N, C-alpha and C. Protein backbone atom coordinates (compact mmCIF):
# COMPACT_ATOMS: atom_id res chain seq x y z
N MET A 1 0.82 -1.21 0.00
CA MET A 1 0.00 0.00 0.00
C MET A 1 0.86 1.26 0.00
N LYS A 2 2.15 1.08 0.27
CA LYS A 2 3.04 2.23 0.31
C LYS A 2 3.09 2.94 -1.05
N PHE A 3 2.97 2.18 -2.15
CA PHE A 3 3.08 2.76 -3.49
C PHE A 3 1.73 2.85 -4.18
N ARG A 4 0.70 3.05 -3.41
CA ARG A 4 -0.66 3.04 -3.94
C ARG A 4 -0.86 4.01 -5.10
N TYR A 5 -0.25 5.20 -5.03
CA TYR A 5 -0.48 6.22 -6.04
C TYR A 5 0.64 6.28 -7.08
N PHE A 6 1.66 5.45 -6.92
CA PHE A 6 2.81 5.53 -7.79
C PHE A 6 2.48 5.20 -9.24
N PHE A 7 1.84 4.07 -9.46
CA PHE A 7 1.55 3.65 -10.83
C PHE A 7 0.54 4.53 -11.54
N PRO A 8 -0.55 4.96 -10.88
CA PRO A 8 -1.45 5.89 -11.57
C PRO A 8 -0.76 7.18 -11.98
N LEU A 9 0.13 7.68 -11.13
CA LEU A 9 0.81 8.92 -11.47
C LEU A 9 1.75 8.74 -12.65
N ILE A 10 2.45 7.60 -12.70
CA ILE A 10 3.33 7.32 -13.83
C ILE A 10 2.51 7.31 -15.12
N PHE A 11 1.36 6.63 -15.09
CA PHE A 11 0.51 6.56 -16.27
C PHE A 11 0.01 7.93 -16.67
N ILE A 12 -0.42 8.71 -15.67
CA ILE A 12 -1.00 10.01 -15.96
C ILE A 12 0.05 10.96 -16.52
N PHE A 13 1.27 10.93 -15.96
CA PHE A 13 2.30 11.82 -16.47
C PHE A 13 2.72 11.44 -17.89
N SER A 14 2.46 10.19 -18.28
CA SER A 14 2.87 9.76 -19.61
C SER A 14 1.92 10.24 -20.70
N ILE A 15 0.75 10.77 -20.32
CA ILE A 15 -0.19 11.28 -21.31
C ILE A 15 0.24 12.67 -21.74
N SER A 16 0.51 12.82 -23.00
CA SER A 16 0.99 14.10 -23.51
C SER A 16 -0.15 15.10 -23.63
N SER A 17 0.14 16.33 -23.30
CA SER A 17 -0.88 17.37 -23.44
C SER A 17 -0.69 18.16 -24.72
N SER A 18 0.26 17.74 -25.54
CA SER A 18 0.48 18.47 -26.79
C SER A 18 0.15 17.59 -27.97
N PHE A 19 -0.13 18.24 -29.07
CA PHE A 19 -0.34 17.49 -30.30
C PHE A 19 0.05 18.35 -31.47
N LYS A 20 0.43 17.69 -32.56
CA LYS A 20 0.91 18.41 -33.72
C LYS A 20 -0.21 18.54 -34.73
N GLN A 21 -0.40 19.72 -35.24
CA GLN A 21 -1.39 19.95 -36.29
C GLN A 21 -0.66 20.44 -37.52
N LYS A 22 -0.83 19.77 -38.62
CA LYS A 22 -0.17 20.17 -39.85
C LYS A 22 -1.10 21.08 -40.64
N SER A 23 -0.71 22.35 -40.78
CA SER A 23 -1.47 23.32 -41.56
C SER A 23 -2.96 23.30 -41.23
N LEU A 24 -3.29 23.20 -39.95
CA LEU A 24 -4.70 23.13 -39.54
C LEU A 24 -5.12 24.45 -38.92
N ASP A 25 -6.16 25.03 -39.44
CA ASP A 25 -6.75 26.22 -38.82
C ASP A 25 -7.71 25.72 -37.75
N LEU A 26 -7.36 25.93 -36.49
CA LEU A 26 -8.16 25.37 -35.40
C LEU A 26 -9.54 26.00 -35.31
N SER A 27 -9.75 27.11 -35.98
CA SER A 27 -11.08 27.73 -35.92
C SER A 27 -12.09 26.99 -36.78
N GLU A 28 -11.62 26.13 -37.64
CA GLU A 28 -12.57 25.38 -38.47
C GLU A 28 -12.24 23.92 -38.44
N PHE A 29 -12.74 23.03 -37.79
CA PHE A 29 -12.38 21.63 -37.89
C PHE A 29 -13.06 21.08 -39.15
N SER A 30 -12.39 21.21 -40.28
CA SER A 30 -13.01 20.84 -41.55
C SER A 30 -13.14 19.34 -41.71
N LYS A 31 -12.26 18.60 -41.07
CA LYS A 31 -12.31 17.15 -41.20
C LYS A 31 -12.84 16.53 -39.92
N LYS A 32 -13.75 15.60 -40.07
CA LYS A 32 -14.34 14.94 -38.90
C LYS A 32 -13.27 14.25 -38.07
N GLN A 33 -12.29 13.66 -38.75
CA GLN A 33 -11.21 12.95 -38.05
C GLN A 33 -10.43 13.89 -37.14
N GLU A 34 -10.16 15.12 -37.61
CA GLU A 34 -9.43 16.09 -36.81
C GLU A 34 -10.25 16.49 -35.58
N GLN A 35 -11.55 16.69 -35.76
CA GLN A 35 -12.43 17.03 -34.63
C GLN A 35 -12.44 15.91 -33.61
N GLU A 36 -12.54 14.67 -34.08
CA GLU A 36 -12.59 13.52 -33.17
C GLU A 36 -11.27 13.36 -32.42
N GLU A 37 -10.16 13.59 -33.12
CA GLU A 37 -8.85 13.48 -32.46
C GLU A 37 -8.73 14.51 -31.35
N PHE A 38 -9.14 15.72 -31.63
CA PHE A 38 -9.07 16.78 -30.62
C PHE A 38 -9.97 16.44 -29.43
N ASN A 39 -11.21 16.02 -29.71
CA ASN A 39 -12.14 15.66 -28.63
C ASN A 39 -11.59 14.53 -27.79
N ASP A 40 -10.96 13.55 -28.42
CA ASP A 40 -10.37 12.42 -27.69
C ASP A 40 -9.29 12.90 -26.74
N ARG A 41 -8.49 13.85 -27.21
CA ARG A 41 -7.41 14.37 -26.35
C ARG A 41 -7.97 15.18 -25.18
N VAL A 42 -9.00 15.95 -25.44
CA VAL A 42 -9.63 16.70 -24.35
C VAL A 42 -10.25 15.74 -23.35
N LEU A 43 -10.94 14.71 -23.83
CA LEU A 43 -11.56 13.74 -22.94
C LEU A 43 -10.51 13.02 -22.09
N ALA A 44 -9.39 12.65 -22.70
CA ALA A 44 -8.31 11.99 -21.95
C ALA A 44 -7.80 12.89 -20.83
N LYS A 45 -7.64 14.18 -21.12
CA LYS A 45 -7.18 15.10 -20.08
C LYS A 45 -8.23 15.29 -18.99
N LEU A 46 -9.50 15.30 -19.38
CA LEU A 46 -10.57 15.40 -18.38
C LEU A 46 -10.54 14.20 -17.44
N ARG A 47 -10.32 13.01 -17.98
CA ARG A 47 -10.27 11.80 -17.15
C ARG A 47 -9.06 11.84 -16.21
N VAL A 48 -7.95 12.37 -16.69
CA VAL A 48 -6.77 12.53 -15.84
C VAL A 48 -7.08 13.48 -14.69
N LEU A 49 -7.72 14.60 -15.02
CA LEU A 49 -8.07 15.59 -13.99
C LEU A 49 -9.05 14.98 -12.98
N GLU A 50 -10.01 14.24 -13.45
CA GLU A 50 -10.97 13.58 -12.57
C GLU A 50 -10.24 12.64 -11.60
N ASP A 51 -9.27 11.89 -12.11
CA ASP A 51 -8.49 10.98 -11.25
C ASP A 51 -7.68 11.74 -10.22
N TYR A 52 -7.09 12.86 -10.63
CA TYR A 52 -6.34 13.68 -9.67
C TYR A 52 -7.24 14.16 -8.54
N PHE A 53 -8.44 14.65 -8.88
CA PHE A 53 -9.36 15.13 -7.85
C PHE A 53 -9.75 14.00 -6.90
N LYS A 54 -9.93 12.80 -7.42
CA LYS A 54 -10.25 11.65 -6.56
C LYS A 54 -9.09 11.37 -5.61
N MET A 55 -7.87 11.42 -6.12
CA MET A 55 -6.69 11.17 -5.28
C MET A 55 -6.60 12.19 -4.15
N LEU A 56 -6.82 13.46 -4.47
CA LEU A 56 -6.73 14.51 -3.45
C LEU A 56 -7.80 14.35 -2.39
N SER A 57 -8.94 13.79 -2.76
CA SER A 57 -10.06 13.63 -1.83
C SER A 57 -9.91 12.41 -0.93
N ASP A 58 -8.96 11.55 -1.23
CA ASP A 58 -8.76 10.32 -0.47
C ASP A 58 -8.02 10.63 0.83
N LYS A 59 -8.62 10.30 1.95
CA LYS A 59 -8.02 10.61 3.25
C LYS A 59 -6.73 9.82 3.50
N ASN A 60 -6.49 8.76 2.75
CA ASN A 60 -5.30 7.95 2.95
C ASN A 60 -4.07 8.48 2.22
N ILE A 61 -4.26 9.51 1.41
CA ILE A 61 -3.11 10.03 0.66
C ILE A 61 -2.18 10.79 1.60
N LYS A 62 -0.89 10.57 1.44
CA LYS A 62 0.11 11.27 2.26
C LYS A 62 0.26 12.70 1.75
N ASP A 63 0.63 13.60 2.66
CA ASP A 63 0.76 15.02 2.29
C ASP A 63 1.75 15.22 1.15
N GLU A 64 2.86 14.51 1.20
CA GLU A 64 3.88 14.65 0.16
C GLU A 64 3.33 14.25 -1.20
N LYS A 65 2.60 13.15 -1.24
CA LYS A 65 2.01 12.68 -2.50
C LYS A 65 0.91 13.64 -2.96
N ALA A 66 0.14 14.16 -2.01
CA ALA A 66 -0.91 15.13 -2.36
C ALA A 66 -0.31 16.37 -3.00
N ASP A 67 0.83 16.83 -2.49
CA ASP A 67 1.50 17.99 -3.07
C ASP A 67 1.94 17.72 -4.50
N GLU A 68 2.40 16.49 -4.76
CA GLU A 68 2.79 16.11 -6.13
C GLU A 68 1.57 16.12 -7.05
N VAL A 69 0.45 15.64 -6.55
CA VAL A 69 -0.77 15.62 -7.36
C VAL A 69 -1.23 17.04 -7.65
N ILE A 70 -1.15 17.92 -6.65
CA ILE A 70 -1.55 19.31 -6.86
C ILE A 70 -0.68 19.95 -7.94
N ASP A 71 0.63 19.70 -7.90
CA ASP A 71 1.52 20.23 -8.94
C ASP A 71 1.11 19.72 -10.32
N ALA A 72 0.72 18.43 -10.38
CA ALA A 72 0.29 17.86 -11.66
C ALA A 72 -1.01 18.51 -12.14
N VAL A 73 -1.93 18.78 -11.21
CA VAL A 73 -3.18 19.46 -11.57
C VAL A 73 -2.88 20.84 -12.14
N LEU A 74 -2.00 21.59 -11.48
CA LEU A 74 -1.69 22.95 -11.92
C LEU A 74 -1.10 22.96 -13.32
N ASN A 75 -0.40 21.90 -13.69
CA ASN A 75 0.17 21.81 -15.04
C ASN A 75 -0.90 21.63 -16.11
N LEU A 76 -2.10 21.25 -15.71
CA LEU A 76 -3.18 21.07 -16.67
C LEU A 76 -3.95 22.37 -16.93
N PHE A 77 -3.72 23.39 -16.10
CA PHE A 77 -4.51 24.62 -16.14
C PHE A 77 -3.68 25.82 -16.57
N ILE A 78 -4.37 26.81 -17.13
CA ILE A 78 -3.72 28.10 -17.35
C ILE A 78 -3.55 28.78 -16.00
N GLU A 79 -2.67 29.75 -15.96
CA GLU A 79 -2.41 30.46 -14.71
C GLU A 79 -3.66 31.22 -14.27
N ASP A 80 -3.92 31.23 -12.98
CA ASP A 80 -5.04 31.97 -12.38
C ASP A 80 -6.42 31.44 -12.76
N ALA A 81 -6.51 30.17 -13.16
CA ALA A 81 -7.82 29.58 -13.45
C ALA A 81 -8.63 29.53 -12.16
N LEU A 82 -9.95 29.73 -12.32
CA LEU A 82 -10.86 29.74 -11.17
C LEU A 82 -11.81 28.54 -11.24
N VAL A 83 -12.19 28.06 -10.06
CA VAL A 83 -13.15 26.96 -9.96
C VAL A 83 -14.34 27.45 -9.14
N GLU A 84 -15.53 27.33 -9.70
CA GLU A 84 -16.74 27.67 -8.96
C GLU A 84 -17.23 26.45 -8.21
N VAL A 85 -17.70 26.68 -6.98
CA VAL A 85 -18.16 25.59 -6.11
C VAL A 85 -19.56 25.94 -5.63
N SER A 86 -20.46 24.95 -5.69
CA SER A 86 -21.82 25.16 -5.19
C SER A 86 -22.31 23.89 -4.52
N SER A 87 -23.41 24.02 -3.82
CA SER A 87 -24.04 22.89 -3.15
C SER A 87 -25.51 23.22 -2.99
N PHE A 88 -26.37 22.19 -2.98
CA PHE A 88 -27.79 22.51 -2.78
C PHE A 88 -28.06 22.96 -1.35
N ASN A 89 -27.07 22.80 -0.44
CA ASN A 89 -27.21 23.28 0.94
C ASN A 89 -26.99 24.78 1.06
N GLN A 90 -26.39 25.39 0.01
CA GLN A 90 -26.15 26.83 0.06
C GLN A 90 -26.43 27.42 -1.32
N SER A 91 -27.05 28.57 -1.33
CA SER A 91 -27.45 29.18 -2.59
C SER A 91 -26.30 29.90 -3.28
N GLU A 92 -25.32 30.32 -2.52
CA GLU A 92 -24.23 31.12 -3.07
C GLU A 92 -23.21 30.24 -3.79
N VAL A 93 -22.79 30.69 -4.96
CA VAL A 93 -21.70 30.03 -5.69
C VAL A 93 -20.40 30.71 -5.30
N GLN A 94 -19.43 29.91 -4.86
CA GLN A 94 -18.14 30.45 -4.43
C GLN A 94 -17.10 30.21 -5.52
N GLN A 95 -16.10 31.08 -5.55
CA GLN A 95 -15.01 30.94 -6.51
C GLN A 95 -13.69 30.78 -5.78
N PHE A 96 -12.86 29.86 -6.28
CA PHE A 96 -11.53 29.65 -5.72
C PHE A 96 -10.53 29.51 -6.86
N LYS A 97 -9.31 29.97 -6.60
CA LYS A 97 -8.24 29.68 -7.55
C LYS A 97 -8.02 28.17 -7.52
N ILE A 98 -7.52 27.64 -8.62
CA ILE A 98 -7.37 26.19 -8.73
C ILE A 98 -6.50 25.63 -7.59
N THR A 99 -5.49 26.37 -7.16
CA THR A 99 -4.64 25.92 -6.05
C THR A 99 -5.45 25.80 -4.76
N GLU A 100 -6.26 26.84 -4.48
CA GLU A 100 -7.11 26.81 -3.28
C GLU A 100 -8.10 25.66 -3.34
N TYR A 101 -8.68 25.44 -4.52
CA TYR A 101 -9.65 24.36 -4.68
C TYR A 101 -9.01 23.00 -4.35
N CYS A 102 -7.80 22.78 -4.84
CA CYS A 102 -7.10 21.52 -4.56
C CYS A 102 -6.82 21.36 -3.07
N GLU A 103 -6.42 22.44 -2.42
CA GLU A 103 -6.16 22.40 -0.98
C GLU A 103 -7.45 22.07 -0.22
N ARG A 104 -8.57 22.60 -0.69
CA ARG A 104 -9.86 22.31 -0.04
C ARG A 104 -10.23 20.83 -0.20
N LEU A 105 -9.92 20.26 -1.35
CA LEU A 105 -10.19 18.83 -1.55
C LEU A 105 -9.44 17.99 -0.51
N LYS A 106 -8.22 18.41 -0.19
CA LYS A 106 -7.43 17.68 0.82
C LYS A 106 -8.06 17.75 2.20
N LEU A 107 -8.83 18.79 2.47
CA LEU A 107 -9.36 19.03 3.82
C LEU A 107 -10.80 18.58 4.02
N PHE A 108 -11.36 17.86 3.05
CA PHE A 108 -12.74 17.40 3.19
C PHE A 108 -12.92 16.64 4.50
N LYS A 109 -14.08 16.83 5.13
CA LYS A 109 -14.36 16.18 6.40
C LYS A 109 -14.82 14.73 6.22
N TYR A 110 -15.06 14.32 4.99
CA TYR A 110 -15.56 12.97 4.75
C TYR A 110 -14.41 11.96 4.78
N SER A 111 -14.72 10.74 5.23
CA SER A 111 -13.71 9.70 5.25
C SER A 111 -13.42 9.19 3.84
N LYS A 112 -14.42 9.29 2.99
CA LYS A 112 -14.26 8.85 1.62
C LYS A 112 -15.11 9.74 0.72
N VAL A 113 -14.58 10.05 -0.44
CA VAL A 113 -15.28 10.89 -1.40
C VAL A 113 -15.26 10.22 -2.76
N LYS A 114 -16.39 10.29 -3.45
CA LYS A 114 -16.45 9.81 -4.84
C LYS A 114 -16.81 10.99 -5.72
N ILE A 115 -16.04 11.17 -6.78
CA ILE A 115 -16.31 12.21 -7.76
C ILE A 115 -16.37 11.54 -9.12
N ALA A 116 -17.45 11.75 -9.85
CA ALA A 116 -17.58 11.17 -11.18
C ALA A 116 -18.11 12.21 -12.14
N TRP A 117 -17.52 12.28 -13.33
CA TRP A 117 -17.97 13.19 -14.38
C TRP A 117 -18.66 12.38 -15.46
N THR A 118 -19.89 12.76 -15.78
CA THR A 118 -20.66 12.06 -16.80
C THR A 118 -21.30 13.07 -17.75
N ASN A 119 -21.98 12.56 -18.77
CA ASN A 119 -22.67 13.40 -19.75
C ASN A 119 -21.76 14.50 -20.29
N ILE A 120 -20.56 14.11 -20.66
CA ILE A 120 -19.58 15.08 -21.16
C ILE A 120 -19.90 15.42 -22.61
N SER A 121 -20.08 16.70 -22.88
CA SER A 121 -20.34 17.14 -24.26
C SER A 121 -19.04 17.62 -24.87
N TYR A 122 -18.89 17.38 -26.14
CA TYR A 122 -17.67 17.77 -26.82
C TYR A 122 -17.74 19.21 -27.30
N ILE A 123 -16.59 19.77 -27.59
CA ILE A 123 -16.52 21.13 -28.10
C ILE A 123 -16.98 21.12 -29.55
N SER A 124 -17.93 21.97 -29.86
CA SER A 124 -18.41 22.04 -31.23
C SER A 124 -17.47 22.86 -32.12
N ASP A 125 -16.89 23.91 -31.56
CA ASP A 125 -15.92 24.68 -32.31
C ASP A 125 -15.02 25.44 -31.35
N LEU A 126 -13.92 25.91 -31.85
CA LEU A 126 -12.99 26.72 -31.07
C LEU A 126 -12.95 28.10 -31.70
N LYS A 127 -12.88 29.12 -30.85
CA LYS A 127 -12.82 30.49 -31.35
C LYS A 127 -11.50 31.12 -30.94
N ARG A 128 -10.90 31.79 -31.89
CA ARG A 128 -9.62 32.45 -31.60
C ARG A 128 -9.85 33.77 -30.89
N ASN A 129 -9.07 33.98 -29.82
CA ASN A 129 -9.16 35.22 -29.05
C ASN A 129 -8.05 36.17 -29.49
N ASN A 130 -8.10 37.41 -28.97
CA ASN A 130 -7.09 38.40 -29.32
C ASN A 130 -5.69 37.99 -28.87
N ASP A 131 -5.60 37.11 -27.87
CA ASP A 131 -4.28 36.68 -27.39
C ASP A 131 -3.66 35.61 -28.29
N GLY A 132 -4.36 35.22 -29.35
CA GLY A 132 -3.83 34.22 -30.27
C GLY A 132 -4.18 32.79 -29.90
N ASN A 133 -4.75 32.59 -28.72
CA ASN A 133 -5.15 31.25 -28.28
C ASN A 133 -6.58 30.95 -28.73
N TYR A 134 -6.92 29.68 -28.75
CA TYR A 134 -8.26 29.25 -29.12
C TYR A 134 -9.00 28.80 -27.87
N TYR A 135 -10.29 29.14 -27.79
CA TYR A 135 -11.08 28.84 -26.60
C TYR A 135 -12.36 28.09 -26.98
N GLY A 136 -12.71 27.15 -26.13
CA GLY A 136 -13.96 26.42 -26.28
C GLY A 136 -14.45 26.01 -24.90
N THR A 137 -15.60 25.37 -24.85
CA THR A 137 -16.18 24.96 -23.57
C THR A 137 -16.67 23.52 -23.64
N VAL A 138 -16.43 22.78 -22.56
CA VAL A 138 -16.96 21.43 -22.41
C VAL A 138 -17.97 21.45 -21.27
N ASP A 139 -19.15 20.93 -21.50
CA ASP A 139 -20.17 20.82 -20.45
C ASP A 139 -20.17 19.39 -19.93
N LEU A 140 -20.37 19.25 -18.62
CA LEU A 140 -20.43 17.92 -18.02
C LEU A 140 -21.24 17.98 -16.74
N GLU A 141 -21.56 16.79 -16.23
CA GLU A 141 -22.28 16.68 -14.96
C GLU A 141 -21.35 16.02 -13.94
N GLN A 142 -21.18 16.67 -12.80
CA GLN A 142 -20.34 16.13 -11.74
C GLN A 142 -21.21 15.55 -10.64
N LYS A 143 -20.97 14.29 -10.30
CA LYS A 143 -21.66 13.67 -9.17
C LYS A 143 -20.67 13.57 -8.02
N PHE A 144 -21.06 14.13 -6.89
CA PHE A 144 -20.21 14.14 -5.71
C PHE A 144 -20.90 13.36 -4.59
N GLU A 145 -20.15 12.46 -3.94
CA GLU A 145 -20.68 11.71 -2.79
C GLU A 145 -19.65 11.72 -1.67
N GLY A 146 -20.12 12.00 -0.45
CA GLY A 146 -19.26 11.97 0.73
C GLY A 146 -19.72 10.90 1.71
N TYR A 147 -18.77 10.14 2.26
CA TYR A 147 -19.08 9.02 3.16
C TYR A 147 -18.43 9.24 4.52
N ASN A 148 -19.08 8.74 5.57
CA ASN A 148 -18.51 8.83 6.91
C ASN A 148 -17.59 7.64 7.19
N ALA A 149 -17.05 7.58 8.42
CA ALA A 149 -16.10 6.53 8.78
C ALA A 149 -16.71 5.14 8.72
N GLU A 150 -18.04 5.04 8.86
CA GLU A 150 -18.72 3.74 8.81
C GLU A 150 -19.06 3.33 7.37
N GLY A 151 -18.68 4.15 6.41
CA GLY A 151 -18.94 3.82 5.02
C GLY A 151 -20.33 4.20 4.54
N GLN A 152 -21.05 4.99 5.33
CA GLN A 152 -22.40 5.43 4.93
C GLN A 152 -22.33 6.74 4.17
N LYS A 153 -23.11 6.83 3.10
CA LYS A 153 -23.16 8.07 2.33
C LYS A 153 -23.94 9.11 3.12
N VAL A 154 -23.30 10.24 3.41
CA VAL A 154 -23.93 11.28 4.21
C VAL A 154 -24.21 12.55 3.39
N PHE A 155 -23.67 12.61 2.19
CA PHE A 155 -23.92 13.78 1.34
C PHE A 155 -23.74 13.40 -0.12
N SER A 156 -24.59 13.94 -0.97
CA SER A 156 -24.41 13.77 -2.41
C SER A 156 -25.10 14.91 -3.15
N ASP A 157 -24.55 15.28 -4.28
CA ASP A 157 -25.22 16.23 -5.16
C ASP A 157 -24.73 16.03 -6.59
N LYS A 158 -25.46 16.64 -7.51
CA LYS A 158 -25.08 16.63 -8.92
C LYS A 158 -25.02 18.08 -9.37
N ILE A 159 -23.94 18.42 -10.03
CA ILE A 159 -23.74 19.78 -10.48
C ILE A 159 -23.40 19.78 -11.96
N GLU A 160 -24.14 20.58 -12.72
CA GLU A 160 -23.80 20.77 -14.13
C GLU A 160 -22.71 21.83 -14.20
N LYS A 161 -21.59 21.47 -14.81
CA LYS A 161 -20.44 22.37 -14.87
C LYS A 161 -20.02 22.60 -16.31
N ASN A 162 -19.29 23.68 -16.50
CA ASN A 162 -18.65 23.92 -17.79
C ASN A 162 -17.18 24.20 -17.54
N ILE A 163 -16.35 23.66 -18.41
CA ILE A 163 -14.91 23.82 -18.28
C ILE A 163 -14.38 24.48 -19.55
N THR A 164 -13.67 25.58 -19.37
CA THR A 164 -13.06 26.25 -20.51
C THR A 164 -11.84 25.46 -20.96
N VAL A 165 -11.75 25.25 -22.26
CA VAL A 165 -10.59 24.59 -22.85
C VAL A 165 -9.81 25.63 -23.63
N VAL A 166 -8.50 25.71 -23.37
CA VAL A 166 -7.64 26.69 -24.03
C VAL A 166 -6.59 25.94 -24.84
N VAL A 167 -6.47 26.30 -26.10
CA VAL A 167 -5.47 25.67 -26.97
C VAL A 167 -4.45 26.73 -27.34
N LYS A 168 -3.18 26.49 -26.92
CA LYS A 168 -2.11 27.44 -27.17
C LYS A 168 -1.09 26.82 -28.13
N SER A 169 -0.62 27.63 -29.07
CA SER A 169 0.47 27.14 -29.91
C SER A 169 1.74 27.21 -29.08
N PHE A 170 2.53 26.15 -29.13
CA PHE A 170 3.70 26.06 -28.27
C PHE A 170 4.97 26.47 -28.99
N ASP A 171 5.18 25.96 -30.19
CA ASP A 171 6.47 26.20 -30.82
C ASP A 171 6.37 25.88 -32.30
N LYS A 172 7.22 26.50 -33.06
CA LYS A 172 7.38 26.12 -34.47
C LYS A 172 8.85 25.81 -34.66
N TYR A 173 9.14 24.71 -35.25
CA TYR A 173 10.53 24.37 -35.49
C TYR A 173 10.62 23.49 -36.73
N VAL A 174 11.82 23.33 -37.20
CA VAL A 174 12.03 22.63 -38.47
C VAL A 174 12.58 21.24 -38.22
N ILE A 175 11.93 20.23 -38.80
CA ILE A 175 12.44 18.86 -38.78
C ILE A 175 12.66 18.45 -40.22
N LYS A 176 13.91 18.20 -40.57
CA LYS A 176 14.25 17.82 -41.95
C LYS A 176 13.65 18.79 -42.96
N GLY A 177 13.81 20.08 -42.67
CA GLY A 177 13.35 21.09 -43.60
C GLY A 177 11.87 21.41 -43.54
N ARG A 178 11.13 20.79 -42.61
CA ARG A 178 9.69 21.04 -42.53
C ARG A 178 9.37 21.78 -41.23
N GLU A 179 8.51 22.77 -41.34
CA GLU A 179 8.10 23.53 -40.16
C GLU A 179 6.80 22.97 -39.63
N ASP A 180 6.74 22.68 -38.35
CA ASP A 180 5.55 22.13 -37.71
C ASP A 180 5.13 23.02 -36.56
N THR A 181 3.85 22.99 -36.26
CA THR A 181 3.31 23.73 -35.13
C THR A 181 2.77 22.74 -34.10
N PHE A 182 3.15 22.94 -32.85
CA PHE A 182 2.63 22.12 -31.78
C PHE A 182 1.65 22.95 -30.95
N TRP A 183 0.60 22.29 -30.51
CA TRP A 183 -0.43 22.95 -29.71
C TRP A 183 -0.55 22.25 -28.37
N TYR A 184 -0.78 23.02 -27.33
CA TYR A 184 -1.00 22.46 -26.00
C TYR A 184 -2.43 22.74 -25.58
N ILE A 185 -3.04 21.73 -24.99
CA ILE A 185 -4.40 21.86 -24.48
C ILE A 185 -4.33 22.10 -22.97
N TYR A 186 -4.94 23.18 -22.51
CA TYR A 186 -5.02 23.49 -21.09
C TYR A 186 -6.48 23.67 -20.70
N PHE A 187 -6.73 23.61 -19.40
CA PHE A 187 -8.05 23.95 -18.90
C PHE A 187 -8.01 25.36 -18.32
N GLY A 188 -9.14 26.06 -18.47
CA GLY A 188 -9.28 27.38 -17.86
C GLY A 188 -10.23 27.29 -16.69
N ASP A 189 -11.16 28.23 -16.59
CA ASP A 189 -12.09 28.26 -15.47
C ASP A 189 -13.09 27.10 -15.53
N ILE A 190 -13.48 26.65 -14.34
CA ILE A 190 -14.55 25.66 -14.20
C ILE A 190 -15.74 26.38 -13.57
N GLY A 191 -16.83 26.46 -14.32
CA GLY A 191 -18.01 27.18 -13.85
C GLY A 191 -19.15 26.26 -13.48
N VAL A 192 -20.07 26.80 -12.70
CA VAL A 192 -21.28 26.06 -12.28
C VAL A 192 -22.46 26.56 -13.09
N GLU A 193 -23.21 25.63 -13.68
CA GLU A 193 -24.43 25.99 -14.40
C GLU A 193 -25.68 25.73 -13.56
N GLU A 194 -25.72 24.56 -12.92
CA GLU A 194 -26.91 24.20 -12.11
C GLU A 194 -26.51 23.16 -11.08
N THR A 195 -27.08 23.30 -9.88
CA THR A 195 -26.88 22.32 -8.80
C THR A 195 -28.17 21.59 -8.55
N LYS A 196 -28.08 20.26 -8.50
CA LYS A 196 -29.29 19.45 -8.31
C LYS A 196 -29.25 18.70 -6.98
């Protein structure tokens, strides 16, 4: 049990967040295959993020390992990304920087937490902003469950969320006389649409 989180982290770090697009205008996914490839990469990163959040919520995780997971989460986000938090127990939607949100996950009062993302919708298109990056949104439903020390579920809710996806060009360089562009996929703000 000492290496409980070692193998998942190795697997997660091995997933690349960059991809090469050859002469592709990201504002128009003209080919279905290109759209599907992009959606697959976004979905893979969402699953990685979901796993990280589960790890941080686990009361058995050591502080040192939790800090490593938080660093990995921050690498998935643009700087200063915000996460909105809501609950049907409170009407107010709160906002936290992604770092604060991760720290809060570590401090949950529940002995066990389950977080699952379902009904994930794909990005229909990306729009270029003045900063040169492309932006889109993914909608999903988050199911949260908290359990006490006896293993009984004491809290649950479902929240419809939206996650901003940011695509940044990373570099252009020449390989055997050919110039290629690499793009990195990051997450931006996570917003709340509805709490059930």
